[in-house]
Amino acid sequence: MTSNDTDKNPTWRDPGATRERILDAAMLTFSRQGYHGTRLDDIVDASETSKGAIYFHFANKERLFLALVDQFADLLERRVLEAIEGQARGMARVRVALETVLETFGRYRRPAKILLVQAVGLGNVFESKRAAVTDRFARLIETYLREAIDQGDIAPTDTEVVAYAWMGAIYGLVIRWVTTGEPEPGRIMDGLVPLLLRSVGYEDSRPVAPTQERPAS
């Protein structure tokens, strides 16, 4: 089989590896050029595949973009769940969940930009996806806040309102960072986590864990 035949038959190579290469190339291209400024040919060139390979995995550019959002949301949730494993129920989990969300946004700048900046104003399908991701993490935070109330760490409060207010604060600062570079993730972590904890009447005497600056992905 020739190399051209191989490009036309994406199943000849490892389909999973090809899909990941397409997603990596799409993330880079969308984050640089925006959704409307990106053509499938740009992703073909960046991934060194073919349009046939892209269509084998994704019906169109929209589905490819949404797959990137889902991929990042899955990563974010997985990192939160791994981080709280072994943590005592209550505000310890709330704090670690907040820190992990912020640390993950800070480490993965390109997918954060795609979710919070590039998807804005792209229509109902994209807004529904963004809303679903927000709901997913607001519910996660709300679960840990209810645990903290049950443990007596904080007074009863409207956990739904708090969770969505926290997500709004996180999004606002991360959007500013991915578009301007300021404030850098360490400052966001150090300033925002204690502020959010105090908003529910919790004073944490422990210092915020230091953040190591890493190259943004």
N, C-alpha and C. Protein backbone atom coordinates (compact mmCIF):
# COMPACT_ATOMS: atom_id res chain seq x y z
N MET A 1 0.85 -1.20 0.00
CA MET A 1 0.00 0.00 0.00
C MET A 1 0.88 1.24 0.00
N THR A 2 0.54 2.21 -0.87
CA THR A 2 1.33 3.43 -0.94
C THR A 2 0.96 4.38 0.18
N SER A 3 1.82 5.43 0.38
CA SER A 3 1.53 6.41 1.43
C SER A 3 0.23 7.13 1.15
N ASN A 4 -0.08 7.38 -0.16
CA ASN A 4 -1.34 8.05 -0.48
C ASN A 4 -2.53 7.19 -0.10
N ASP A 5 -2.40 5.88 -0.36
CA ASP A 5 -3.48 4.96 0.02
C ASP A 5 -3.66 4.96 1.52
N THR A 6 -2.55 5.03 2.24
CA THR A 6 -2.64 5.03 3.69
C THR A 6 -3.40 6.24 4.19
N ASP A 7 -3.13 7.43 3.60
CA ASP A 7 -3.85 8.63 4.00
C ASP A 7 -5.34 8.51 3.75
N LYS A 8 -5.69 7.82 2.64
CA LYS A 8 -7.11 7.69 2.31
C LYS A 8 -7.80 6.65 3.18
N ASN A 9 -7.03 5.81 3.82
CA ASN A 9 -7.61 4.77 4.67
C ASN A 9 -7.07 4.95 6.09
N PRO A 10 -7.69 5.84 6.91
CA PRO A 10 -7.15 6.15 8.22
C PRO A 10 -7.15 4.98 9.18
N THR A 11 -7.92 3.92 8.89
CA THR A 11 -7.93 2.78 9.78
C THR A 11 -6.69 1.92 9.62
N TRP A 12 -5.89 2.18 8.53
CA TRP A 12 -4.68 1.39 8.32
C TRP A 12 -3.70 1.61 9.46
N ARG A 13 -3.60 2.86 9.92
CA ARG A 13 -2.79 3.17 11.08
C ARG A 13 -3.66 3.10 12.32
N ASP A 14 -3.06 3.30 13.47
CA ASP A 14 -3.79 3.25 14.73
C ASP A 14 -4.84 4.36 14.73
N PRO A 15 -6.14 4.03 14.71
CA PRO A 15 -7.16 5.08 14.66
C PRO A 15 -7.12 5.98 15.89
N GLY A 16 -6.84 5.39 17.04
CA GLY A 16 -6.79 6.20 18.26
C GLY A 16 -5.68 7.23 18.21
N ALA A 17 -4.51 6.82 17.72
CA ALA A 17 -3.38 7.74 17.62
C ALA A 17 -3.67 8.84 16.60
N THR A 18 -4.31 8.46 15.50
CA THR A 18 -4.65 9.46 14.48
C THR A 18 -5.64 10.47 15.03
N ARG A 19 -6.63 9.99 15.77
CA ARG A 19 -7.62 10.89 16.36
C ARG A 19 -6.95 11.88 17.31
N GLU A 20 -6.04 11.38 18.14
CA GLU A 20 -5.35 12.26 19.08
C GLU A 20 -4.50 13.29 18.35
N ARG A 21 -3.86 12.87 17.26
CA ARG A 21 -3.04 13.80 16.50
C ARG A 21 -3.91 14.90 15.88
N ILE A 22 -5.09 14.52 15.40
CA ILE A 22 -6.01 15.51 14.84
C ILE A 22 -6.48 16.47 15.91
N LEU A 23 -6.82 15.94 17.10
CA LEU A 23 -7.28 16.81 18.19
C LEU A 23 -6.17 17.77 18.62
N ASP A 24 -4.95 17.27 18.72
CA ASP A 24 -3.82 18.14 19.11
C ASP A 24 -3.63 19.26 18.09
N ALA A 25 -3.69 18.90 16.83
CA ALA A 25 -3.51 19.91 15.78
C ALA A 25 -4.67 20.90 15.77
N ALA A 26 -5.88 20.41 15.98
CA ALA A 26 -7.05 21.28 15.99
C ALA A 26 -6.98 22.25 17.17
N MET A 27 -6.54 21.77 18.32
CA MET A 27 -6.43 22.65 19.48
C MET A 27 -5.46 23.79 19.21
N LEU A 28 -4.33 23.46 18.65
CA LEU A 28 -3.34 24.48 18.32
C LEU A 28 -3.89 25.47 17.30
N THR A 29 -4.54 24.97 16.28
CA THR A 29 -5.02 25.83 15.20
C THR A 29 -6.19 26.69 15.64
N PHE A 30 -7.16 26.10 16.32
CA PHE A 30 -8.31 26.89 16.80
C PHE A 30 -7.85 27.97 17.77
N SER A 31 -6.92 27.63 18.67
CA SER A 31 -6.50 28.61 19.68
C SER A 31 -5.77 29.78 19.04
N ARG A 32 -5.10 29.54 17.91
CA ARG A 32 -4.37 30.60 17.22
C ARG A 32 -5.25 31.41 16.28
N GLN A 33 -6.14 30.73 15.56
CA GLN A 33 -6.87 31.36 14.47
C GLN A 33 -8.34 31.58 14.75
N GLY A 34 -8.84 31.01 15.87
CA GLY A 34 -10.27 31.10 16.14
C GLY A 34 -11.05 30.09 15.32
N TYR A 35 -12.32 29.91 15.70
CA TYR A 35 -13.14 28.91 15.02
C TYR A 35 -13.36 29.28 13.56
N HIS A 36 -13.84 30.51 13.32
CA HIS A 36 -14.18 30.90 11.95
C HIS A 36 -12.93 31.05 11.08
N GLY A 37 -11.80 31.39 11.69
CA GLY A 37 -10.57 31.56 10.92
C GLY A 37 -9.86 30.27 10.58
N THR A 38 -10.35 29.16 11.12
CA THR A 38 -9.71 27.86 10.89
C THR A 38 -10.45 27.09 9.81
N ARG A 39 -9.70 26.60 8.82
CA ARG A 39 -10.26 25.72 7.79
C ARG A 39 -9.81 24.30 8.09
N LEU A 40 -10.59 23.34 7.63
CA LEU A 40 -10.18 21.94 7.82
C LEU A 40 -8.83 21.68 7.17
N ASP A 41 -8.55 22.37 6.06
CA ASP A 41 -7.25 22.19 5.42
C ASP A 41 -6.11 22.60 6.35
N ASP A 42 -6.34 23.60 7.20
CA ASP A 42 -5.32 24.01 8.16
C ASP A 42 -5.03 22.88 9.15
N ILE A 43 -6.08 22.21 9.58
CA ILE A 43 -5.92 21.11 10.53
C ILE A 43 -5.28 19.90 9.84
N VAL A 44 -5.65 19.67 8.58
CA VAL A 44 -5.00 18.60 7.80
C VAL A 44 -3.50 18.83 7.75
N ASP A 45 -3.10 20.06 7.44
CA ASP A 45 -1.67 20.36 7.34
C ASP A 45 -0.98 20.21 8.69
N ALA A 46 -1.61 20.72 9.75
CA ALA A 46 -0.99 20.69 11.07
C ALA A 46 -0.89 19.27 11.62
N SER A 47 -1.85 18.43 11.29
CA SER A 47 -1.87 17.06 11.80
C SER A 47 -1.15 16.07 10.89
N GLU A 48 -0.81 16.54 9.68
CA GLU A 48 -0.17 15.67 8.68
C GLU A 48 -1.01 14.43 8.42
N THR A 49 -2.33 14.66 8.28
CA THR A 49 -3.24 13.57 7.94
C THR A 49 -3.92 13.92 6.62
N SER A 50 -5.21 13.69 6.55
CA SER A 50 -5.97 14.00 5.35
C SER A 50 -7.39 14.36 5.77
N LYS A 51 -8.14 14.95 4.84
CA LYS A 51 -9.53 15.23 5.15
C LYS A 51 -10.31 13.94 5.41
N GLY A 52 -9.93 12.90 4.69
CA GLY A 52 -10.58 11.62 4.93
C GLY A 52 -10.38 11.13 6.34
N ALA A 53 -9.17 11.32 6.87
CA ALA A 53 -8.90 10.91 8.25
C ALA A 53 -9.73 11.73 9.23
N ILE A 54 -9.85 13.04 8.96
CA ILE A 54 -10.65 13.88 9.86
C ILE A 54 -12.11 13.46 9.82
N TYR A 55 -12.65 13.26 8.61
CA TYR A 55 -14.07 12.89 8.50
C TYR A 55 -14.34 11.48 9.02
N PHE A 56 -13.31 10.66 9.06
CA PHE A 56 -13.47 9.32 9.65
C PHE A 56 -13.82 9.43 11.13
N HIS A 57 -13.24 10.44 11.82
CA HIS A 57 -13.43 10.59 13.25
C HIS A 57 -14.45 11.66 13.62
N PHE A 58 -14.61 12.68 12.77
CA PHE A 58 -15.48 13.81 13.11
C PHE A 58 -16.32 14.19 11.90
N ALA A 59 -17.61 14.37 12.11
CA ALA A 59 -18.51 14.63 10.99
C ALA A 59 -18.22 15.95 10.29
N ASN A 60 -17.74 16.94 11.06
CA ASN A 60 -17.49 18.26 10.49
C ASN A 60 -16.64 19.07 11.47
N LYS A 61 -16.35 20.30 11.11
CA LYS A 61 -15.51 21.15 11.95
C LYS A 61 -16.17 21.42 13.30
N GLU A 62 -17.48 21.59 13.29
CA GLU A 62 -18.21 21.83 14.54
C GLU A 62 -18.02 20.69 15.53
N ARG A 63 -18.18 19.44 15.05
CA ARG A 63 -18.04 18.28 15.94
C ARG A 63 -16.61 18.16 16.46
N LEU A 64 -15.65 18.52 15.64
CA LEU A 64 -14.25 18.49 16.06
C LEU A 64 -14.02 19.51 17.18
N PHE A 65 -14.55 20.71 17.02
CA PHE A 65 -14.42 21.75 18.03
C PHE A 65 -15.07 21.30 19.34
N LEU A 66 -16.28 20.75 19.25
CA LEU A 66 -16.98 20.31 20.45
C LEU A 66 -16.25 19.15 21.13
N ALA A 67 -15.60 18.31 20.34
CA ALA A 67 -14.82 17.21 20.93
C ALA A 67 -13.68 17.75 21.77
N LEU A 68 -13.07 18.86 21.35
CA LEU A 68 -12.01 19.48 22.15
C LEU A 68 -12.55 19.99 23.48
N VAL A 69 -13.74 20.59 23.46
CA VAL A 69 -14.36 21.06 24.70
C VAL A 69 -14.61 19.87 25.64
N ASP A 70 -15.17 18.80 25.10
CA ASP A 70 -15.43 17.61 25.92
C ASP A 70 -14.14 17.02 26.48
N GLN A 71 -13.10 16.99 25.65
CA GLN A 71 -11.82 16.43 26.08
C GLN A 71 -11.28 17.21 27.28
N PHE A 72 -11.36 18.54 27.21
CA PHE A 72 -10.85 19.36 28.30
C PHE A 72 -11.72 19.21 29.55
N ALA A 73 -13.03 19.16 29.37
CA ALA A 73 -13.93 18.98 30.52
C ALA A 73 -13.66 17.65 31.22
N ASP A 74 -13.44 16.59 30.43
CA ASP A 74 -13.13 15.29 31.02
C ASP A 74 -11.82 15.34 31.80
N LEU A 75 -10.82 16.00 31.23
CA LEU A 75 -9.53 16.13 31.91
C LEU A 75 -9.70 16.89 33.22
N LEU A 76 -10.45 17.98 33.18
CA LEU A 76 -10.64 18.81 34.37
C LEU A 76 -11.33 18.01 35.48
N GLU A 77 -12.38 17.30 35.13
CA GLU A 77 -13.10 16.52 36.14
C GLU A 77 -12.22 15.40 36.69
N ARG A 78 -11.48 14.74 35.82
CA ARG A 78 -10.62 13.65 36.27
C ARG A 78 -9.56 14.15 37.25
N ARG A 79 -8.98 15.31 36.96
CA ARG A 79 -7.96 15.86 37.84
C ARG A 79 -8.55 16.26 39.19
N VAL A 80 -9.77 16.79 39.19
CA VAL A 80 -10.41 17.15 40.46
C VAL A 80 -10.67 15.90 41.29
N LEU A 81 -11.23 14.88 40.67
CA LEU A 81 -11.56 13.65 41.41
C LEU A 81 -10.30 12.98 41.94
N GLU A 82 -9.23 12.99 41.15
CA GLU A 82 -7.98 12.41 41.62
C GLU A 82 -7.40 13.22 42.79
N ALA A 83 -7.54 14.54 42.73
CA ALA A 83 -6.96 15.40 43.76
C ALA A 83 -7.66 15.27 45.10
N ILE A 84 -8.98 15.05 45.08
CA ILE A 84 -9.70 14.98 46.35
C ILE A 84 -9.69 13.58 46.95
N GLU A 85 -9.20 12.61 46.19
CA GLU A 85 -9.17 11.25 46.72
C GLU A 85 -8.32 11.21 47.99
N GLY A 86 -8.89 10.69 49.04
CA GLY A 86 -8.17 10.62 50.30
C GLY A 86 -8.31 11.85 51.18
N GLN A 87 -8.90 12.92 50.62
CA GLN A 87 -9.13 14.12 51.43
C GLN A 87 -10.34 13.90 52.33
N ALA A 88 -10.29 14.46 53.53
CA ALA A 88 -11.41 14.36 54.45
C ALA A 88 -12.61 15.11 53.87
N ARG A 89 -13.82 14.60 54.14
CA ARG A 89 -15.03 15.28 53.70
C ARG A 89 -15.11 16.66 54.34
N GLY A 90 -15.64 17.61 53.62
CA GLY A 90 -15.79 18.95 54.15
C GLY A 90 -15.02 19.96 53.33
N MET A 91 -14.61 21.04 54.00
CA MET A 91 -13.97 22.14 53.28
C MET A 91 -12.60 21.77 52.72
N ALA A 92 -11.98 20.71 53.22
CA ALA A 92 -10.72 20.27 52.63
C ALA A 92 -10.94 19.89 51.17
N ARG A 93 -12.04 19.22 50.89
CA ARG A 93 -12.34 18.84 49.51
C ARG A 93 -12.71 20.07 48.67
N VAL A 94 -13.45 20.98 49.26
CA VAL A 94 -13.83 22.19 48.54
C VAL A 94 -12.57 22.95 48.11
N ARG A 95 -11.68 23.13 49.05
CA ARG A 95 -10.46 23.88 48.76
C ARG A 95 -9.62 23.19 47.68
N VAL A 96 -9.42 21.89 47.82
CA VAL A 96 -8.61 21.15 46.84
C VAL A 96 -9.27 21.17 45.47
N ALA A 97 -10.60 21.07 45.43
CA ALA A 97 -11.30 21.13 44.14
C ALA A 97 -11.07 22.47 43.47
N LEU A 98 -11.19 23.56 44.23
CA LEU A 98 -10.95 24.89 43.68
C LEU A 98 -9.53 25.03 43.16
N GLU A 99 -8.57 24.62 43.97
CA GLU A 99 -7.17 24.73 43.57
C GLU A 99 -6.88 23.93 42.31
N THR A 100 -7.49 22.75 42.21
CA THR A 100 -7.24 21.89 41.06
C THR A 100 -7.84 22.48 39.79
N VAL A 101 -9.05 23.02 39.89
CA VAL A 101 -9.66 23.66 38.73
C VAL A 101 -8.77 24.80 38.24
N LEU A 102 -8.33 25.66 39.16
CA LEU A 102 -7.50 26.79 38.77
C LEU A 102 -6.14 26.35 38.24
N GLU A 103 -5.55 25.36 38.89
CA GLU A 103 -4.24 24.86 38.43
C GLU A 103 -4.35 24.26 37.04
N THR A 104 -5.47 23.57 36.76
CA THR A 104 -5.64 22.93 35.45
C THR A 104 -5.86 23.98 34.37
N PHE A 105 -6.68 24.98 34.64
CA PHE A 105 -6.83 26.07 33.69
C PHE A 105 -5.48 26.73 33.42
N GLY A 106 -4.70 26.93 34.48
CA GLY A 106 -3.40 27.57 34.33
C GLY A 106 -2.41 26.75 33.53
N ARG A 107 -2.50 25.44 33.65
CA ARG A 107 -1.56 24.57 32.94
C ARG A 107 -1.94 24.39 31.48
N TYR A 108 -3.23 24.40 31.20
CA TYR A 108 -3.71 24.11 29.85
C TYR A 108 -4.35 25.36 29.25
N ARG A 109 -3.52 26.29 28.85
CA ARG A 109 -4.02 27.58 28.38
C ARG A 109 -4.80 27.47 27.07
N ARG A 110 -4.33 26.66 26.14
CA ARG A 110 -5.01 26.59 24.84
C ARG A 110 -6.43 26.03 24.95
N PRO A 111 -6.65 24.89 25.62
CA PRO A 111 -8.04 24.43 25.74
C PRO A 111 -8.90 25.38 26.57
N ALA A 112 -8.29 26.05 27.57
CA ALA A 112 -9.04 27.04 28.33
C ALA A 112 -9.52 28.16 27.42
N LYS A 113 -8.65 28.58 26.52
CA LYS A 113 -9.01 29.65 25.58
C LYS A 113 -10.13 29.19 24.65
N ILE A 114 -10.06 27.95 24.19
CA ILE A 114 -11.09 27.43 23.30
C ILE A 114 -12.44 27.39 24.00
N LEU A 115 -12.47 26.93 25.25
CA LEU A 115 -13.71 26.82 26.00
C LEU A 115 -14.29 28.19 26.36
N LEU A 116 -13.45 29.07 26.87
CA LEU A 116 -13.93 30.31 27.48
C LEU A 116 -13.92 31.52 26.55
N VAL A 117 -13.16 31.46 25.46
CA VAL A 117 -13.07 32.62 24.57
C VAL A 117 -13.55 32.27 23.17
N GLN A 118 -12.96 31.24 22.56
CA GLN A 118 -13.27 30.96 21.16
C GLN A 118 -14.71 30.50 20.96
N ALA A 119 -15.30 29.84 21.96
CA ALA A 119 -16.66 29.32 21.79
C ALA A 119 -17.73 30.38 21.98
N VAL A 120 -17.35 31.57 22.46
CA VAL A 120 -18.33 32.62 22.73
C VAL A 120 -18.90 33.15 21.41
N GLY A 121 -20.23 33.24 21.34
CA GLY A 121 -20.87 33.83 20.18
C GLY A 121 -20.91 32.95 18.95
N LEU A 122 -20.66 31.65 19.10
CA LEU A 122 -20.65 30.77 17.93
C LEU A 122 -22.00 30.11 17.66
N GLY A 123 -23.01 30.45 18.45
CA GLY A 123 -24.33 29.88 18.19
C GLY A 123 -24.81 28.99 19.32
N ASN A 124 -26.04 28.53 19.17
CA ASN A 124 -26.70 27.79 20.25
C ASN A 124 -26.02 26.49 20.61
N VAL A 125 -25.50 25.78 19.60
CA VAL A 125 -24.85 24.50 19.88
C VAL A 125 -23.65 24.71 20.78
N PHE A 126 -22.85 25.71 20.49
CA PHE A 126 -21.65 25.96 21.28
C PHE A 126 -22.00 26.51 22.66
N GLU A 127 -23.00 27.39 22.71
CA GLU A 127 -23.40 27.94 24.01
C GLU A 127 -23.99 26.85 24.90
N SER A 128 -24.73 25.93 24.30
CA SER A 128 -25.27 24.81 25.07
C SER A 128 -24.15 23.95 25.63
N LYS A 129 -23.11 23.75 24.84
CA LYS A 129 -21.97 22.96 25.30
C LYS A 129 -21.25 23.66 26.45
N ARG A 130 -21.02 24.97 26.30
CA ARG A 130 -20.37 25.73 27.37
C ARG A 130 -21.21 25.69 28.64
N ALA A 131 -22.52 25.82 28.49
CA ALA A 131 -23.40 25.78 29.65
C ALA A 131 -23.36 24.41 30.33
N ALA A 132 -23.28 23.36 29.52
CA ALA A 132 -23.22 22.00 30.08
C ALA A 132 -21.94 21.80 30.88
N VAL A 133 -20.82 22.33 30.37
CA VAL A 133 -19.56 22.22 31.09
C VAL A 133 -19.63 23.00 32.41
N THR A 134 -20.20 24.20 32.36
CA THR A 134 -20.35 24.99 33.59
C THR A 134 -21.22 24.26 34.59
N ASP A 135 -22.35 23.71 34.13
CA ASP A 135 -23.25 22.96 35.02
C ASP A 135 -22.51 21.78 35.66
N ARG A 136 -21.72 21.12 34.87
CA ARG A 136 -21.00 19.93 35.34
C ARG A 136 -20.11 20.27 36.53
N PHE A 137 -19.37 21.37 36.44
CA PHE A 137 -18.43 21.70 37.51
C PHE A 137 -19.09 22.46 38.65
N ALA A 138 -20.15 23.19 38.35
CA ALA A 138 -20.90 23.83 39.43
C ALA A 138 -21.54 22.76 40.31
N ARG A 139 -22.07 21.71 39.70
CA ARG A 139 -22.67 20.62 40.49
C ARG A 139 -21.61 19.91 41.33
N LEU A 140 -20.42 19.76 40.77
CA LEU A 140 -19.34 19.11 41.51
C LEU A 140 -18.98 19.94 42.75
N ILE A 141 -18.80 21.24 42.57
CA ILE A 141 -18.49 22.12 43.70
C ILE A 141 -19.64 22.12 44.70
N GLU A 142 -20.86 22.14 44.19
CA GLU A 142 -22.03 22.15 45.07
C GLU A 142 -22.06 20.89 45.94
N THR A 143 -21.69 19.76 45.38
CA THR A 143 -21.65 18.51 46.15
C THR A 143 -20.70 18.64 47.35
N TYR A 144 -19.52 19.20 47.11
CA TYR A 144 -18.55 19.33 48.19
C TYR A 144 -18.96 20.39 49.20
N LEU A 145 -19.64 21.44 48.73
CA LEU A 145 -20.14 22.44 49.67
C LEU A 145 -21.21 21.84 50.59
N ARG A 146 -22.09 21.01 50.04
CA ARG A 146 -23.11 20.37 50.88
C ARG A 146 -22.45 19.44 51.90
N GLU A 147 -21.41 18.74 51.48
CA GLU A 147 -20.67 17.90 52.43
C GLU A 147 -20.10 18.75 53.56
N ALA A 148 -19.56 19.93 53.21
CA ALA A 148 -18.96 20.81 54.22
C ALA A 148 -20.02 21.31 55.21
N ILE A 149 -21.22 21.58 54.71
CA ILE A 149 -22.32 21.98 55.60
C ILE A 149 -22.68 20.83 56.52
N ASP A 150 -22.79 19.63 55.97
CA ASP A 150 -23.12 18.44 56.78
C ASP A 150 -22.07 18.19 57.85
N GLN A 151 -20.80 18.48 57.52
CA GLN A 151 -19.71 18.28 58.48
C GLN A 151 -19.64 19.40 59.51
N GLY A 152 -20.39 20.47 59.31
CA GLY A 152 -20.35 21.59 60.24
C GLY A 152 -19.20 22.55 59.99
N ASP A 153 -18.53 22.43 58.85
CA ASP A 153 -17.41 23.32 58.53
C ASP A 153 -17.88 24.73 58.21
N ILE A 154 -19.05 24.83 57.57
CA ILE A 154 -19.62 26.13 57.24
C ILE A 154 -21.10 26.12 57.57
N ALA A 155 -21.67 27.31 57.70
CA ALA A 155 -23.10 27.44 57.97
C ALA A 155 -23.90 27.11 56.72
N PRO A 156 -25.16 26.70 56.89
CA PRO A 156 -26.00 26.44 55.71
C PRO A 156 -26.06 27.66 54.80
N THR A 157 -26.01 27.41 53.52
CA THR A 157 -26.04 28.47 52.51
C THR A 157 -26.65 27.91 51.25
N ASP A 158 -26.97 28.78 50.31
CA ASP A 158 -27.53 28.34 49.03
C ASP A 158 -26.36 27.84 48.17
N THR A 159 -26.14 26.55 48.20
CA THR A 159 -24.95 25.99 47.55
C THR A 159 -25.00 26.15 46.04
N GLU A 160 -26.18 26.14 45.45
CA GLU A 160 -26.27 26.31 44.00
C GLU A 160 -25.81 27.71 43.59
N VAL A 161 -26.31 28.73 44.31
CA VAL A 161 -25.92 30.10 44.00
C VAL A 161 -24.41 30.28 44.19
N VAL A 162 -23.89 29.74 45.30
CA VAL A 162 -22.46 29.88 45.58
C VAL A 162 -21.64 29.21 44.49
N ALA A 163 -22.01 28.00 44.10
CA ALA A 163 -21.23 27.25 43.10
C ALA A 163 -21.17 28.00 41.78
N TYR A 164 -22.30 28.53 41.33
CA TYR A 164 -22.30 29.25 40.06
C TYR A 164 -21.58 30.59 40.17
N ALA A 165 -21.69 31.25 41.33
CA ALA A 165 -20.94 32.49 41.53
C ALA A 165 -19.44 32.22 41.49
N TRP A 166 -19.01 31.12 42.10
CA TRP A 166 -17.60 30.75 42.07
C TRP A 166 -17.13 30.47 40.65
N MET A 167 -17.95 29.73 39.89
CA MET A 167 -17.56 29.45 38.51
C MET A 167 -17.44 30.74 37.70
N GLY A 168 -18.34 31.68 37.95
CA GLY A 168 -18.26 32.96 37.25
C GLY A 168 -16.98 33.71 37.58
N ALA A 169 -16.59 33.69 38.85
CA ALA A 169 -15.35 34.37 39.26
C ALA A 169 -14.14 33.69 38.63
N ILE A 170 -14.13 32.37 38.63
CA ILE A 170 -13.02 31.62 38.01
C ILE A 170 -12.94 31.94 36.52
N TYR A 171 -14.07 31.85 35.83
CA TYR A 171 -14.09 32.12 34.40
C TYR A 171 -13.60 33.53 34.10
N GLY A 172 -14.08 34.51 34.88
CA GLY A 172 -13.72 35.90 34.61
C GLY A 172 -12.22 36.13 34.65
N LEU A 173 -11.56 35.60 35.67
CA LEU A 173 -10.12 35.79 35.79
C LEU A 173 -9.34 34.98 34.75
N VAL A 174 -9.80 33.76 34.50
CA VAL A 174 -9.09 32.93 33.52
C VAL A 174 -9.23 33.52 32.12
N ILE A 175 -10.42 34.06 31.79
CA ILE A 175 -10.60 34.70 30.48
C ILE A 175 -9.63 35.86 30.33
N ARG A 176 -9.51 36.67 31.38
CA ARG A 176 -8.58 37.80 31.29
C ARG A 176 -7.15 37.31 31.10
N TRP A 177 -6.80 36.22 31.79
CA TRP A 177 -5.44 35.69 31.67
C TRP A 177 -5.16 35.15 30.27
N VAL A 178 -6.09 34.35 29.70
CA VAL A 178 -5.81 33.75 28.40
C VAL A 178 -5.79 34.79 27.29
N THR A 179 -6.44 35.94 27.50
CA THR A 179 -6.46 36.97 26.46
C THR A 179 -5.38 38.03 26.64
N THR A 180 -4.95 38.28 27.89
CA THR A 180 -3.97 39.35 28.13
C THR A 180 -2.68 38.87 28.78
N GLY A 181 -2.71 37.68 29.39
CA GLY A 181 -1.54 37.19 30.12
C GLY A 181 -1.49 37.65 31.56
N GLU A 182 -2.47 38.44 31.99
CA GLU A 182 -2.53 38.93 33.37
C GLU A 182 -3.94 38.75 33.94
N PRO A 183 -4.04 38.52 35.26
CA PRO A 183 -2.95 38.17 36.17
C PRO A 183 -2.49 36.74 35.92
N GLU A 184 -1.22 36.47 36.14
CA GLU A 184 -0.69 35.13 35.87
C GLU A 184 -1.28 34.14 36.87
N PRO A 185 -1.28 32.84 36.51
CA PRO A 185 -2.01 31.84 37.30
C PRO A 185 -1.66 31.80 38.79
N GLY A 186 -0.41 32.03 39.14
CA GLY A 186 -0.05 32.01 40.56
C GLY A 186 -0.78 33.08 41.34
N ARG A 187 -0.92 34.26 40.76
CA ARG A 187 -1.64 35.35 41.43
C ARG A 187 -3.12 35.02 41.54
N ILE A 188 -3.68 34.42 40.49
CA ILE A 188 -5.09 34.04 40.54
C ILE A 188 -5.32 33.04 41.67
N MET A 189 -4.46 32.04 41.75
CA MET A 189 -4.59 31.03 42.79
C MET A 189 -4.48 31.65 44.18
N ASP A 190 -3.45 32.45 44.39
CA ASP A 190 -3.19 33.01 45.72
C ASP A 190 -4.27 34.00 46.16
N GLY A 191 -4.83 34.73 45.19
CA GLY A 191 -5.82 35.73 45.55
C GLY A 191 -7.24 35.22 45.58
N LEU A 192 -7.57 34.32 44.66
CA LEU A 192 -8.97 33.94 44.50
C LEU A 192 -9.42 32.86 45.48
N VAL A 193 -8.59 31.84 45.70
CA VAL A 193 -9.04 30.74 46.57
C VAL A 193 -9.41 31.23 47.97
N PRO A 194 -8.56 32.00 48.67
CA PRO A 194 -8.96 32.49 50.01
C PRO A 194 -10.22 33.36 49.95
N LEU A 195 -10.36 34.16 48.89
CA LEU A 195 -11.53 35.02 48.76
C LEU A 195 -12.81 34.19 48.64
N LEU A 196 -12.78 33.15 47.82
CA LEU A 196 -13.96 32.31 47.65
C LEU A 196 -14.29 31.55 48.93
N LEU A 197 -13.29 31.06 49.62
CA LEU A 197 -13.53 30.35 50.88
C LEU A 197 -14.14 31.28 51.92
N ARG A 198 -13.64 32.51 51.99
CA ARG A 198 -14.20 33.47 52.95
C ARG A 198 -15.63 33.84 52.61
N SER A 199 -16.00 33.73 51.34
CA SER A 199 -17.36 34.10 50.94
C SER A 199 -18.42 33.18 51.55
N VAL A 200 -18.01 32.00 52.00
CA VAL A 200 -18.94 31.10 52.70
C VAL A 200 -18.61 31.02 54.18
N GLY A 201 -17.82 31.98 54.67
CA GLY A 201 -17.54 32.05 56.10
C GLY A 201 -16.46 31.12 56.58
N TYR A 202 -15.57 30.70 55.67
CA TYR A 202 -14.52 29.76 56.07
C TYR A 202 -13.17 30.45 55.99
N GLU A 203 -12.50 30.51 57.10
CA GLU A 203 -11.15 31.06 57.16
C GLU A 203 -10.16 29.90 57.24
N ASP A 204 -9.35 29.75 56.22
CA ASP A 204 -8.37 28.66 56.18
C ASP A 204 -7.02 29.20 56.62
N SER A 205 -6.50 28.68 57.70
CA SER A 205 -5.23 29.18 58.21
C SER A 205 -4.03 28.68 57.41
N ARG A 206 -4.23 27.64 56.62
CA ARG A 206 -3.11 27.11 55.84
C ARG A 206 -2.84 28.00 54.66
N PRO A 207 -1.56 28.16 54.29
CA PRO A 207 -1.25 28.95 53.09
C PRO A 207 -1.69 28.23 51.85
N VAL A 208 -2.02 28.99 50.82
CA VAL A 208 -2.33 28.37 49.53
C VAL A 208 -1.10 27.68 49.00
N ALA A 209 -1.30 26.47 48.49
CA ALA A 209 -0.15 25.70 47.96
C ALA A 209 0.52 26.49 46.86
N PRO A 210 1.88 26.58 46.90
CA PRO A 210 2.57 27.35 45.86
C PRO A 210 2.36 26.74 44.50
N THR A 211 2.20 27.61 43.51
CA THR A 211 1.99 27.14 42.15
C THR A 211 3.28 27.20 41.37
N GLN A 212 3.61 26.14 40.69
CA GLN A 212 4.79 26.13 39.85
C GLN A 212 4.40 26.58 38.46
N GLU A 213 5.09 27.57 37.95
CA GLU A 213 4.79 28.05 36.61
C GLU A 213 5.29 27.04 35.58
N ARG A 214 4.41 26.71 34.67
CA ARG A 214 4.77 25.76 33.61
C ARG A 214 4.43 26.39 32.28
N PRO A 215 5.08 25.97 31.22
CA PRO A 215 4.72 26.48 29.90
C PRO A 215 3.25 26.18 29.61
N ALA A 216 2.51 27.19 29.17
CA ALA A 216 1.10 26.99 28.87
C ALA A 216 0.97 26.09 27.64
N SER A 217 -0.02 25.17 27.72
CA SER A 217 -0.22 24.25 26.60
C SER A 217 -1.19 24.85 25.60
